[in-house]
Amino acid sequence: MHAHAVLPIAGLLVLLASDVAAQDTVRFTPTVSQPTFAVREPVLRVRPGTVLISSTHFGGYYTEEGGNFPGEVGPIYVEGATTGDVLVVKIVRLELNHDIAASRIYSTFGGLATDNRVRLLNDPIPERRYVWRLDRDRMVATTELPDSRVGQIEIELQPMLGRVAVAPRGHEAFSGLWPGDFGGNMDAPEVRQGTTVYLPIFHDGAYLYFGDVHARQGHGEVSGTGLETSADVVLEIDVLKGRTIDWPRLEDDEYIMVAGSARPLIDAFRLAHVELVEWLEEYGFGRWDAYQVVSQLGESTVANIVDPAYTVVAKFPKRYLPEVTPR
């Protein structure tokens, strides 16, 4: 049985589909770049339990000269995944594969910029592009700070996957900038190597997408971009049969987490925490007891305040979970 076969999603001891079928390893080189999350012809079909060895798209945005931002890898059709199941994506490996990352500040995009939807009297922020040199051996990045006394800065790298998504419900299609209940551009630093992402499924086959690697990003992504670059990835793709969730759930060695996305920011906070309370109910907590312990032990981070919907990650420390099999 795989280590993640027993999952605190909804109730009984559950065997993942990969415990029944032999695990596949699929090497896939993406060639089609998608601008939106939607139902479309799959670029690949895999079985539950597949280990996918692949990479995110590389584009001009990541070069010295600059250029367009590449789209997402996908969709990947997961055989046997239905709307009554949960898609499980474990990030086994996330390894940067380029020596440059790019980040920008924009005049009308970002958490501190003039809002291009509303007329304001603020002077626009001057647009500027920062090229970060990545030392992948030392796992640090350096960039020039032209207006600063220090001249340059070196920071530690913390690679993350900005976008993991399924196709949204119905006939909806969302651009790559959007996060939502389908996952998408959550821009959460918690979505990194070692994290398992659980996503609701709105169409049979799930239609998995991924992309938007950041070599590093602060919580909030306040200027609108992280250290944008590309990476090689190893993803373990599975299906939790007969269980459903409403919002993306995350799990690592220390926390169970929920990513809620909405505007205003308080709604993203509420959505994430309601789902977190419901997750604790699956461990046997009464609803109001769960509400109480989340109030005392819960943690939260703001993943982004720049996308069309903001994202908040609500966290609960796993060391306080009961040592019992969830119902």
C-alpha atoms as a PDB file:
ATOM      1  CA  MET A   1       0.000   0.000   0.000  1.00  0.00           C
ATOM      2  CA  HIS A   2       1.281   3.505  -0.816  1.00  0.00           C
ATOM      3  CA  ALA A   3       2.104   5.796   2.068  1.00  0.00           C
ATOM      4  CA  HIS A   4      -0.768   8.112   1.157  1.00  0.00           C
ATOM      5  CA  ALA A   5      -3.351   5.336   0.800  1.00  0.00           C
ATOM      6  CA  VAL A   6      -5.043   6.228   4.085  1.00  0.00           C
ATOM      7  CA  LEU A   7      -6.259   9.777   3.669  1.00  0.00           C
ATOM      8  CA  PRO A   8      -8.243  11.999   6.035  1.00  0.00           C
ATOM      9  CA  ILE A   9     -10.699  13.106   3.361  1.00  0.00           C
ATOM     10  CA  ALA A  10     -14.055  11.617   4.213  1.00  0.00           C
ATOM     11  CA  GLY A  11     -14.617   8.762   6.530  1.00  0.00           C
ATOM     12  CA  LEU A  12     -13.528   5.180   6.229  1.00  0.00           C
ATOM     13  CA  LEU A  13     -10.202   3.543   5.536  1.00  0.00           C
ATOM     14  CA  VAL A  14      -9.904   3.949   1.767  1.00  0.00           C
ATOM     15  CA  LEU A  15      -7.644   2.213  -0.688  1.00  0.00           C
ATOM     16  CA  LEU A  16      -6.480   4.382  -3.562  1.00  0.00           C
ATOM     17  CA  ALA A  17      -6.935   3.044  -7.036  1.00  0.00           C
ATOM     18  CA  SER A  18      -3.180   2.588  -7.368  1.00  0.00           C
ATOM     19  CA  ASP A  19      -3.254  -0.103  -4.683  1.00  0.00           C
ATOM     20  CA  VAL A  20      -5.242  -2.268  -7.068  1.00  0.00           C
ATOM     21  CA  ALA A  21      -3.356  -1.694 -10.298  1.00  0.00           C
ATOM     22  CA  ALA A  22       0.394  -1.801 -10.829  1.00  0.00           C
ATOM     23  CA  GLN A  23       1.996   1.611 -10.771  1.00  0.00           C
ATOM     24  CA  ASP A  24       2.992   3.087 -14.140  1.00  0.00           C
ATOM     25  CA  THR A  25       5.889   5.431 -14.832  1.00  0.00           C
ATOM     26  CA  VAL A  26       5.291   7.757 -17.777  1.00  0.00           C
ATOM     27  CA  ARG A  27       7.856  10.130 -19.278  1.00  0.00           C
ATOM     28  CA  PHE A  28       6.180  13.005 -21.084  1.00  0.00           C
ATOM     29  CA  THR A  29       7.677  15.977 -22.926  1.00  0.00           C
ATOM     30  CA  PRO A  30       5.015  18.700 -23.237  1.00  0.00           C
ATOM     31  CA  THR A  31       4.722  20.470 -26.589  1.00  0.00           C
ATOM     32  CA  VAL A  32       1.293  22.111 -26.353  1.00  0.00           C
ATOM     33  CA  SER A  33       0.960  25.199 -24.162  1.00  0.00           C
ATOM     34  CA  GLN A  34      -2.546  25.977 -22.914  1.00  0.00           C
ATOM     35  CA  PRO A  35      -3.761  29.519 -22.103  1.00  0.00           C
ATOM     36  CA  THR A  36      -6.791  28.430 -20.066  1.00  0.00           C
ATOM     37  CA  PHE A  37      -8.053  25.774 -17.681  1.00  0.00           C
ATOM     38  CA  ALA A  38     -10.920  24.037 -19.512  1.00  0.00           C
ATOM     39  CA  VAL A  39     -12.169  20.762 -20.942  1.00  0.00           C
ATOM     40  CA  ARG A  40     -10.330  20.120 -24.205  1.00  0.00           C
ATOM     41  CA  GLU A  41      -8.615  17.285 -26.049  1.00  0.00           C
ATOM     42  CA  PRO A  42      -6.139  15.696 -23.615  1.00  0.00           C
ATOM     43  CA  VAL A  43      -2.426  15.799 -24.356  1.00  0.00           C
ATOM     44  CA  LEU A  44      -1.950  12.596 -22.373  1.00  0.00           C
ATOM     45  CA  ARG A  45      -3.995   9.852 -20.734  1.00  0.00           C
ATOM     46  CA  VAL A  46      -2.784   8.106 -17.591  1.00  0.00           C
ATOM     47  CA  ARG A  47      -4.051   5.524 -15.148  1.00  0.00           C
ATOM     48  CA  PRO A  48      -4.453   6.173 -11.430  1.00  0.00           C
ATOM     49  CA  GLY A  49      -1.196   5.438  -9.679  1.00  0.00           C
ATOM     50  CA  THR A  50       0.930   6.856 -12.494  1.00  0.00           C
ATOM     51  CA  VAL A  51       4.231   8.531 -11.724  1.00  0.00           C
ATOM     52  CA  LEU A  52       4.615  11.284 -14.307  1.00  0.00           C
ATOM     53  CA  ILE A  53       8.130  12.469 -15.173  1.00  0.00           C
ATOM     54  CA  SER A  54       7.837  15.715 -17.098  1.00  0.00           C
ATOM     55  CA  SER A  55       8.594  19.451 -17.057  1.00  0.00           C
ATOM     56  CA  THR A  56       6.811  22.759 -17.166  1.00  0.00           C
ATOM     57  CA  HIS A  57       6.875  24.888 -20.293  1.00  0.00           C
ATOM     58  CA  PHE A  58       9.838  27.124 -21.021  1.00  0.00           C
ATOM     59  CA  GLY A  59       9.207  30.519 -22.598  1.00  0.00           C
ATOM     60  CA  GLY A  60      10.722  33.849 -23.539  1.00  0.00           C
ATOM     61  CA  TYR A  61       9.630  35.340 -20.230  1.00  0.00           C
ATOM     62  CA  TYR A  62      12.418  33.407 -18.532  1.00  0.00           C
ATOM     63  CA  THR A  63      15.215  34.573 -20.834  1.00  0.00           C
ATOM     64  CA  GLU A  64      17.650  37.466 -20.618  1.00  0.00           C
ATOM     65  CA  GLU A  65      15.776  39.310 -23.370  1.00  0.00           C
ATOM     66  CA  GLY A  66      12.287  38.682 -22.028  1.00  0.00           C
ATOM     67  CA  GLY A  67       9.183  37.635 -23.904  1.00  0.00           C
ATOM     68  CA  ASN A  68       5.795  36.028 -23.531  1.00  0.00           C
ATOM     69  CA  PHE A  69       4.746  33.969 -20.547  1.00  0.00           C
ATOM     70  CA  PRO A  70       4.236  30.289 -21.429  1.00  0.00           C
ATOM     71  CA  GLY A  71       0.981  28.538 -20.695  1.00  0.00           C
ATOM     72  CA  GLU A  72       0.169  25.383 -18.781  1.00  0.00           C
ATOM     73  CA  VAL A  73       0.907  21.724 -19.371  1.00  0.00           C
ATOM     74  CA  GLY A  74      -2.253  19.720 -19.936  1.00  0.00           C
ATOM     75  CA  PRO A  75      -4.870  18.634 -19.820  1.00  0.00           C
ATOM     76  CA  ILE A  76      -3.994  15.149 -18.656  1.00  0.00           C
ATOM     77  CA  TYR A  77      -6.939  12.767 -18.630  1.00  0.00           C
ATOM     78  CA  VAL A  78      -6.954  10.419 -15.645  1.00  0.00           C
ATOM     79  CA  GLU A  79      -8.685   7.169 -16.519  1.00  0.00           C
ATOM     80  CA  GLY A  80     -11.452   6.203 -14.118  1.00  0.00           C
ATOM     81  CA  ALA A  81     -11.582   9.564 -12.325  1.00  0.00           C
ATOM     82  CA  THR A  82     -15.217  10.642 -11.883  1.00  0.00           C
ATOM     83  CA  THR A  83     -17.075  13.575 -10.400  1.00  0.00           C
ATOM     84  CA  GLY A  84     -17.662  11.476  -7.286  1.00  0.00           C
ATOM     85  CA  ASP A  85     -13.925  11.203  -6.612  1.00  0.00           C
ATOM     86  CA  VAL A  86     -10.965  13.345  -5.547  1.00  0.00           C
ATOM     87  CA  LEU A  87      -7.854  13.826  -7.690  1.00  0.00           C
ATOM     88  CA  VAL A  88      -4.599  13.301  -5.778  1.00  0.00           C
ATOM     89  CA  VAL A  89      -1.389  14.927  -7.067  1.00  0.00           C
ATOM     90  CA  LYS A  90       1.747  14.381  -4.995  1.00  0.00           C
ATOM     91  CA  ILE A  91       4.707  16.601  -5.901  1.00  0.00           C
ATOM     92  CA  VAL A  92       7.487  14.047  -5.587  1.00  0.00           C
ATOM     93  CA  ARG A  93      10.146  16.201  -7.180  1.00  0.00           C
ATOM     94  CA  LEU A  94      10.406  19.829  -8.314  1.00  0.00           C
ATOM     95  CA  GLU A  95      13.839  20.701  -9.693  1.00  0.00           C
ATOM     96  CA  LEU A  96      14.683  23.983 -11.403  1.00  0.00           C
ATOM     97  CA  ASN A  97      16.072  23.466 -14.914  1.00  0.00           C
ATOM     98  CA  HIS A  98      17.077  26.996 -15.957  1.00  0.00           C
ATOM     99  CA  ASP A  99      19.675  29.468 -14.658  1.00  0.00           C
ATOM    100  CA  ILE A 100      17.502  32.573 -14.919  1.00  0.00           C
ATOM    101  CA  ALA A 101      14.263  33.624 -13.286  1.00  0.00           C
ATOM    102  CA  ALA A 102      12.416  36.812 -14.168  1.00  0.00           C
ATOM    103  CA  SER A 103      10.188  39.011 -12.060  1.00  0.00           C
ATOM    104  CA  ARG A 104       8.458  42.284 -12.840  1.00  0.00           C
ATOM    105  CA  ILE A 105       6.666  45.174 -11.259  1.00  0.00           C
ATOM    106  CA  TYR A 106       3.797  46.634 -13.264  1.00  0.00           C
ATOM    107  CA  SER A 107       2.031  49.978 -13.352  1.00  0.00           C
ATOM    108  CA  THR A 108      -1.481  48.504 -13.057  1.00  0.00           C
ATOM    109  CA  PHE A 109      -0.943  44.983 -11.726  1.00  0.00           C
ATOM    110  CA  GLY A 110       0.063  43.972  -8.230  1.00  0.00           C
ATOM    111  CA  GLY A 111      -1.076  44.391  -4.671  1.00  0.00           C
ATOM    112  CA  LEU A 112       0.268  47.944  -4.297  1.00  0.00           C
ATOM    113  CA  ALA A 113      -0.399  49.209  -7.838  1.00  0.00           C
ATOM    114  CA  THR A 114      -3.118  51.479  -9.154  1.00  0.00           C
ATOM    115  CA  ASP A 115      -6.170  49.337  -9.860  1.00  0.00           C
ATOM    116  CA  ASN A 116      -6.842  49.294 -13.584  1.00  0.00           C
ATOM    117  CA  ARG A 117     -10.535  48.615 -12.901  1.00  0.00           C
ATOM    118  CA  VAL A 118     -11.091  51.850 -10.966  1.00  0.00           C
ATOM    119  CA  ARG A 119      -9.903  55.398 -11.641  1.00  0.00           C
ATOM    120  CA  LEU A 120      -7.574  56.604  -8.892  1.00  0.00           C
ATOM    121  CA  LEU A 121      -5.308  59.622  -8.405  1.00  0.00           C
ATOM    122  CA  ASN A 122      -2.240  57.532  -7.632  1.00  0.00           C
ATOM    123  CA  ASP A 123       0.736  57.934  -9.898  1.00  0.00           C
ATOM    124  CA  PRO A 124       1.396  54.610 -11.683  1.00  0.00           C
ATOM    125  CA  ILE A 125       4.308  52.477 -10.548  1.00  0.00           C
ATOM    126  CA  PRO A 126       7.064  52.512 -13.186  1.00  0.00           C
ATOM    127  CA  GLU A 127       7.336  49.172 -14.907  1.00  0.00           C
ATOM    128  CA  ARG A 128      10.593  47.319 -14.326  1.00  0.00           C
ATOM    129  CA  ARG A 129      11.933  43.854 -15.066  1.00  0.00           C
ATOM    130  CA  TYR A 130      14.326  42.074 -12.703  1.00  0.00           C
ATOM    131  CA  VAL A 131      16.525  39.233 -13.954  1.00  0.00           C
ATOM    132  CA  TRP A 132      17.517  36.838 -11.173  1.00  0.00           C
ATOM    133  CA  ARG A 133      20.604  34.642 -11.638  1.00  0.00           C
ATOM    134  CA  LEU A 134      20.006  31.198 -10.200  1.00  0.00           C
ATOM    135  CA  ASP A 135      22.801  29.169  -8.649  1.00  0.00           C
ATOM    136  CA  ARG A 136      21.128  25.781  -8.589  1.00  0.00           C
ATOM    137  CA  ASP A 137      24.040  24.129  -6.772  1.00  0.00           C
ATOM    138  CA  ARG A 138      23.952  26.577  -3.865  1.00  0.00           C
ATOM    139  CA  MET A 139      20.171  27.096  -4.250  1.00  0.00           C
ATOM    140  CA  VAL A 140      20.396  30.877  -4.178  1.00  0.00           C
ATOM    141  CA  ALA A 141      19.362  33.692  -6.532  1.00  0.00           C
ATOM    142  CA  THR A 142      20.970  37.082  -7.117  1.00  0.00           C
ATOM    143  CA  THR A 143      19.643  40.217  -8.783  1.00  0.00           C
ATOM    144  CA  GLU A 144      20.714  43.828  -9.242  1.00  0.00           C
ATOM    145  CA  LEU A 145      18.957  46.561  -7.246  1.00  0.00           C
ATOM    146  CA  PRO A 146      19.716  49.660  -9.320  1.00  0.00           C
ATOM    147  CA  ASP A 147      18.246  52.222  -6.924  1.00  0.00           C
ATOM    148  CA  SER A 148      19.585  50.733  -3.701  1.00  0.00           C
ATOM    149  CA  ARG A 149      22.754  51.327  -1.708  1.00  0.00           C
ATOM    150  CA  VAL A 150      23.505  47.589  -1.488  1.00  0.00           C
ATOM    151  CA  GLY A 151      23.526  47.255  -5.282  1.00  0.00           C
ATOM    152  CA  GLN A 152      22.390  43.647  -5.322  1.00  0.00           C
ATOM    153  CA  ILE A 153      20.826  40.967  -3.139  1.00  0.00           C
ATOM    154  CA  GLU A 154      21.191  37.201  -2.759  1.00  0.00           C
ATOM    155  CA  ILE A 155      18.307  35.108  -1.447  1.00  0.00           C
ATOM    156  CA  GLU A 156      17.665  31.408  -0.822  1.00  0.00           C
ATOM    157  CA  LEU A 157      15.566  29.483  -3.329  1.00  0.00           C
ATOM    158  CA  GLN A 158      12.324  27.745  -2.344  1.00  0.00           C
ATOM    159  CA  PRO A 159      10.844  26.276  -5.567  1.00  0.00           C
ATOM    160  CA  MET A 160       7.058  25.995  -5.770  1.00  0.00           C
ATOM    161  CA  LEU A 161       4.417  25.144  -8.346  1.00  0.00           C
ATOM    162  CA  GLY A 162       2.127  28.133  -8.857  1.00  0.00           C
ATOM    163  CA  ARG A 163      -0.577  26.322 -10.810  1.00  0.00           C
ATOM    164  CA  VAL A 164      -2.136  22.891 -10.288  1.00  0.00           C
ATOM    165  CA  ALA A 165      -5.678  22.562 -11.598  1.00  0.00           C
ATOM    166  CA  VAL A 166      -8.488  20.462 -12.929  1.00  0.00           C
ATOM    167  CA  ALA A 167     -10.937  21.635 -15.581  1.00  0.00           C
ATOM    168  CA  PRO A 168     -13.529  23.936 -13.973  1.00  0.00           C
ATOM    169  CA  ARG A 169     -17.180  22.984 -13.744  1.00  0.00           C
ATOM    170  CA  GLY A 170     -19.528  22.995 -16.734  1.00  0.00           C
ATOM    171  CA  HIS A 171     -18.358  24.842 -19.830  1.00  0.00           C
ATOM    172  CA  GLU A 172     -16.282  27.334 -17.870  1.00  0.00           C
ATOM    173  CA  ALA A 173     -12.783  28.284 -18.998  1.00  0.00           C
ATOM    174  CA  PHE A 174     -10.470  30.387 -16.832  1.00  0.00           C
ATOM    175  CA  SER A 175      -7.241  32.038 -17.923  1.00  0.00           C
ATOM    176  CA  GLY A 176      -4.034  30.917 -16.280  1.00  0.00           C
ATOM    177  CA  LEU A 177      -4.163  33.872 -13.851  1.00  0.00           C
ATOM    178  CA  TRP A 178      -7.264  32.553 -12.081  1.00  0.00           C
ATOM    179  CA  PRO A 179      -7.429  30.442  -8.922  1.00  0.00           C
ATOM    180  CA  GLY A 180     -10.675  28.862  -7.750  1.00  0.00           C
ATOM    181  CA  ASP A 181     -12.285  25.724  -6.424  1.00  0.00           C
ATOM    182  CA  PHE A 182     -10.621  23.944  -9.359  1.00  0.00           C
ATOM    183  CA  GLY A 183      -7.167  24.896  -8.030  1.00  0.00           C
ATOM    184  CA  GLY A 184      -5.503  26.908 -10.756  1.00  0.00           C
ATOM    185  CA  ASN A 185      -3.200  29.847 -10.079  1.00  0.00           C
ATOM    186  CA  MET A 186      -3.232  29.526  -6.295  1.00  0.00           C
ATOM    187  CA  ASP A 187       0.351  30.842  -6.096  1.00  0.00           C
ATOM    188  CA  ALA A 188       0.778  29.200  -2.695  1.00  0.00           C
ATOM    189  CA  PRO A 189       4.388  28.638  -1.588  1.00  0.00           C
ATOM    190  CA  GLU A 190       3.054  25.570   0.260  1.00  0.00           C
ATOM    191  CA  VAL A 191       2.578  23.795  -3.112  1.00  0.00           C
ATOM    192  CA  ARG A 192       6.119  22.486  -3.307  1.00  0.00           C
ATOM    193  CA  GLN A 193       8.140  19.269  -3.319  1.00  0.00           C
ATOM    194  CA  GLY A 194       6.715  16.881  -0.739  1.00  0.00           C
ATOM    195  CA  THR A 195       3.219  18.379  -0.767  1.00  0.00           C
ATOM    196  CA  THR A 196       0.171  16.390  -1.841  1.00  0.00           C
ATOM    197  CA  VAL A 197      -2.596  18.364  -3.564  1.00  0.00           C
ATOM    198  CA  TYR A 198      -6.197  17.105  -3.431  1.00  0.00           C
ATOM    199  CA  LEU A 199      -8.574  18.579  -6.010  1.00  0.00           C
ATOM    200  CA  PRO A 200     -12.322  18.230  -6.570  1.00  0.00           C
ATOM    201  CA  ILE A 201     -13.283  16.733  -9.939  1.00  0.00           C
ATOM    202  CA  PHE A 202     -15.930  18.447 -12.090  1.00  0.00           C
ATOM    203  CA  HIS A 203     -15.625  16.275 -15.211  1.00  0.00           C
ATOM    204  CA  ASP A 204     -14.876  12.591 -15.636  1.00  0.00           C
ATOM    205  CA  GLY A 205     -11.163  12.310 -16.317  1.00  0.00           C
ATOM    206  CA  ALA A 206     -10.384  15.377 -14.159  1.00  0.00           C
ATOM    207  CA  TYR A 207      -8.291  17.095 -16.905  1.00  0.00           C
ATOM    208  CA  LEU A 208      -5.189  17.919 -14.871  1.00  0.00           C
ATOM    209  CA  TYR A 209      -3.081  21.010 -15.617  1.00  0.00           C
ATOM    210  CA  PHE A 210       0.155  22.263 -14.036  1.00  0.00           C
ATOM    211  CA  GLY A 211       2.741  25.014 -14.558  1.00  0.00           C
ATOM    212  CA  ASP A 212       3.997  28.419 -13.370  1.00  0.00           C
ATOM    213  CA  VAL A 213       7.104  27.470 -11.395  1.00  0.00           C
ATOM    214  CA  HIS A 214       8.485  30.074  -9.001  1.00  0.00           C
ATOM    215  CA  ALA A 215      12.055  29.645  -7.779  1.00  0.00           C
ATOM    216  CA  ARG A 216      10.905  31.733  -4.824  1.00  0.00           C
ATOM    217  CA  GLN A 217       7.846  33.790  -3.918  1.00  0.00           C
ATOM    218  CA  GLY A 218       6.877  35.690  -0.804  1.00  0.00           C
ATOM    219  CA  HIS A 219       3.453  35.194   0.730  1.00  0.00           C
ATOM    220  CA  GLY A 220       0.971  37.461  -1.019  1.00  0.00           C
ATOM    221  CA  GLU A 221       3.084  37.736  -4.191  1.00  0.00           C
ATOM    222  CA  VAL A 222       2.634  41.428  -3.564  1.00  0.00           C
ATOM    223  CA  SER A 223       4.165  42.813  -6.793  1.00  0.00           C
ATOM    224  CA  GLY A 224       2.286  40.312  -8.960  1.00  0.00           C
ATOM    225  CA  THR A 225       5.151  37.967  -9.875  1.00  0.00           C
ATOM    226  CA  GLY A 226       7.482  35.528  -8.184  1.00  0.00           C
ATOM    227  CA  LEU A 227      10.849  34.404  -9.498  1.00  0.00           C
ATOM    228  CA  GLU A 228       9.254  32.981 -12.638  1.00  0.00           C
ATOM    229  CA  THR A 229      11.103  30.093 -14.265  1.00  0.00           C
ATOM    230  CA  SER A 230      10.760  26.461 -15.368  1.00  0.00           C
ATOM    231  CA  ALA A 231      11.413  23.093 -13.749  1.00  0.00           C
ATOM    232  CA  ASP A 232      11.498  19.351 -14.167  1.00  0.00           C
ATOM    233  CA  VAL A 233       8.747  17.652 -12.199  1.00  0.00           C
ATOM    234  CA  VAL A 234       7.823  14.230 -10.933  1.00  0.00           C
ATOM    235  CA  LEU A 235       4.149  13.951 -10.018  1.00  0.00           C
ATOM    236  CA  GLU A 236       2.360  10.940  -8.592  1.00  0.00           C
ATOM    237  CA  ILE A 237      -1.211  11.061  -9.904  1.00  0.00           C
ATOM    238  CA  ASP A 238      -3.920   9.109  -8.172  1.00  0.00           C
ATOM    239  CA  VAL A 239      -7.646   9.034  -7.458  1.00  0.00           C
ATOM    240  CA  LEU A 240      -9.417   8.792  -4.127  1.00  0.00           C
ATOM    241  CA  LYS A 241     -12.584   6.904  -5.028  1.00  0.00           C
ATOM    242  CA  GLY A 242     -16.003   7.735  -3.650  1.00  0.00           C
ATOM    243  CA  ARG A 243     -14.990  10.884  -1.770  1.00  0.00           C
ATOM    244  CA  THR A 244     -15.616  14.545  -2.594  1.00  0.00           C
ATOM    245  CA  ILE A 245     -14.294  17.899  -1.401  1.00  0.00           C
ATOM    246  CA  ASP A 246     -15.326  21.473  -2.184  1.00  0.00           C
ATOM    247  CA  TRP A 247     -11.953  23.275  -2.194  1.00  0.00           C
ATOM    248  CA  PRO A 248      -8.348  22.281  -2.865  1.00  0.00           C
ATOM    249  CA  ARG A 249      -6.708  20.565   0.087  1.00  0.00           C
ATOM    250  CA  LEU A 250      -2.969  20.311   0.691  1.00  0.00           C
ATOM    251  CA  GLU A 251      -0.954  18.060   2.953  1.00  0.00           C
ATOM    252  CA  ASP A 252       2.709  17.869   3.915  1.00  0.00           C
ATOM    253  CA  ASP A 253       4.613  16.377   6.835  1.00  0.00           C
ATOM    254  CA  GLU A 254       3.523  19.111   9.240  1.00  0.00           C
ATOM    255  CA  TYR A 255       0.084  20.375   8.215  1.00  0.00           C
ATOM    256  CA  ILE A 256      -3.235  19.666   6.631  1.00  0.00           C
ATOM    257  CA  MET A 257      -4.212  22.769   4.649  1.00  0.00           C
ATOM    258  CA  VAL A 258      -7.004  24.226   2.534  1.00  0.00           C
ATOM    259  CA  ALA A 259      -6.665  26.852  -0.218  1.00  0.00           C
ATOM    260  CA  GLY A 260      -9.695  29.127  -0.546  1.00  0.00           C
ATOM    261  CA  SER A 261      -9.891  31.689  -3.363  1.00  0.00           C
ATOM    262  CA  ALA A 262     -12.251  34.649  -3.673  1.00  0.00           C
ATOM    263  CA  ARG A 263     -12.558  38.422  -3.493  1.00  0.00           C
ATOM    264  CA  PRO A 264     -12.721  40.160  -1.072  1.00  0.00           C
ATOM    265  CA  LEU A 265      -9.845  38.639   0.885  1.00  0.00           C
ATOM    266  CA  ILE A 266     -12.041  37.884   3.900  1.00  0.00           C
ATOM    267  CA  ASP A 267     -14.161  35.548   1.764  1.00  0.00           C
ATOM    268  CA  ALA A 268     -11.066  33.578   0.721  1.00  0.00           C
ATOM    269  CA  PHE A 269     -10.165  33.339   4.426  1.00  0.00           C
ATOM    270  CA  ARG A 270     -13.647  32.102   5.336  1.00  0.00           C
ATOM    271  CA  LEU A 271     -13.847  29.534   2.532  1.00  0.00           C
ATOM    272  CA  ALA A 272     -10.479  28.037   3.492  1.00  0.00           C
ATOM    273  CA  HIS A 273     -11.350  27.816   7.182  1.00  0.00           C
ATOM    274  CA  VAL A 274     -14.831  26.355   6.692  1.00  0.00           C
ATOM    275  CA  GLU A 275     -13.333  23.531   4.618  1.00  0.00           C
ATOM    276  CA  LEU A 276     -10.613  23.063   7.245  1.00  0.00           C
ATOM    277  CA  VAL A 277     -13.269  22.655   9.960  1.00  0.00           C
ATOM    278  CA  GLU A 278     -15.040  20.102   7.764  1.00  0.00           C
ATOM    279  CA  TRP A 279     -11.768  18.219   7.270  1.00  0.00           C
ATOM    280  CA  LEU A 280     -11.305  18.004  11.037  1.00  0.00           C
ATOM    281  CA  GLU A 281     -14.822  16.554  11.303  1.00  0.00           C
ATOM    282  CA  GLU A 282     -13.543  13.661   9.196  1.00  0.00           C
ATOM    283  CA  TYR A 283     -11.021  12.981  11.962  1.00  0.00           C
ATOM    284  CA  GLY A 284     -13.830  12.664  14.490  1.00  0.00           C
ATOM    285  CA  PHE A 285     -13.974  16.211  15.855  1.00  0.00           C
ATOM    286  CA  GLY A 286     -17.443  17.599  16.446  1.00  0.00           C
ATOM    287  CA  ARG A 287     -18.114  20.601  14.244  1.00  0.00           C
ATOM    288  CA  TRP A 288     -18.099  23.154  17.065  1.00  0.00           C
ATOM    289  CA  ASP A 289     -15.125  21.477  18.737  1.00  0.00           C
ATOM    290  CA  ALA A 290     -13.290  21.696  15.422  1.00  0.00           C
ATOM    291  CA  TYR A 291     -14.215  25.377  15.196  1.00  0.00           C
ATOM    292  CA  GLN A 292     -12.739  25.891  18.682  1.00  0.00           C
ATOM    293  CA  VAL A 293      -9.442  24.069  18.081  1.00  0.00           C
ATOM    294  CA  VAL A 294      -8.929  25.792  14.730  1.00  0.00           C
ATOM    295  CA  SER A 295      -9.380  29.076  16.563  1.00  0.00           C
ATOM    296  CA  GLN A 296      -6.563  28.167  18.954  1.00  0.00           C
ATOM    297  CA  LEU A 297      -4.205  26.101  16.789  1.00  0.00           C
ATOM    298  CA  GLY A 298      -4.935  27.180  13.235  1.00  0.00           C
ATOM    299  CA  GLU A 299      -2.462  29.097  11.134  1.00  0.00           C
ATOM    300  CA  SER A 300      -2.988  30.900   7.865  1.00  0.00           C
ATOM    301  CA  THR A 301      -1.017  32.519   5.076  1.00  0.00           C
ATOM    302  CA  VAL A 302      -2.046  34.809   2.246  1.00  0.00           C
ATOM    303  CA  ALA A 303      -0.879  33.125  -0.942  1.00  0.00           C
ATOM    304  CA  ASN A 304      -1.764  35.926  -3.352  1.00  0.00           C
ATOM    305  CA  ILE A 305      -3.441  39.340  -3.299  1.00  0.00           C
ATOM    306  CA  VAL A 306      -2.893  40.069  -6.983  1.00  0.00           C
ATOM    307  CA  ASP A 307      -4.821  37.545  -9.047  1.00  0.00           C
ATOM    308  CA  PRO A 308      -8.452  37.954 -10.165  1.00  0.00           C
ATOM    309  CA  ALA A 309      -9.340  35.990  -7.001  1.00  0.00           C
ATOM    310  CA  TYR A 310      -7.204  36.154  -3.856  1.00  0.00           C
ATOM    311  CA  THR A 311      -6.015  32.954  -2.143  1.00  0.00           C
ATOM    312  CA  VAL A 312      -5.695  32.161   1.561  1.00  0.00           C
ATOM    313  CA  VAL A 313      -4.196  28.916   2.908  1.00  0.00           C
ATOM    314  CA  ALA A 314      -5.666  27.718   6.222  1.00  0.00           C
ATOM    315  CA  LYS A 315      -3.467  25.257   8.140  1.00  0.00           C
ATOM    316  CA  PHE A 316      -3.852  22.841  11.049  1.00  0.00           C
ATOM    317  CA  PRO A 317      -0.797  21.179  12.666  1.00  0.00           C
ATOM    318  CA  LYS A 318      -0.897  17.421  12.167  1.00  0.00           C
ATOM    319  CA  ARG A 319       0.656  16.753  15.580  1.00  0.00           C
ATOM    320  CA  TYR A 320      -2.716  17.616  17.149  1.00  0.00           C
ATOM    321  CA  LEU A 321      -4.697  15.185  15.030  1.00  0.00           C
ATOM    322  CA  PRO A 322      -5.982  12.071  16.817  1.00  0.00           C
ATOM    323  CA  GLU A 323      -4.033   8.878  16.161  1.00  0.00           C
ATOM    324  CA  VAL A 324      -7.056   7.108  14.769  1.00  0.00           C
ATOM    325  CA  THR A 325      -8.215   6.181  11.311  1.00  0.00           C
ATOM    326  CA  PRO A 326     -10.543   8.964  10.076  1.00  0.00           C
ATOM    327  CA  ARG A 327     -14.190   8.003   9.673  1.00  0.00           C
END
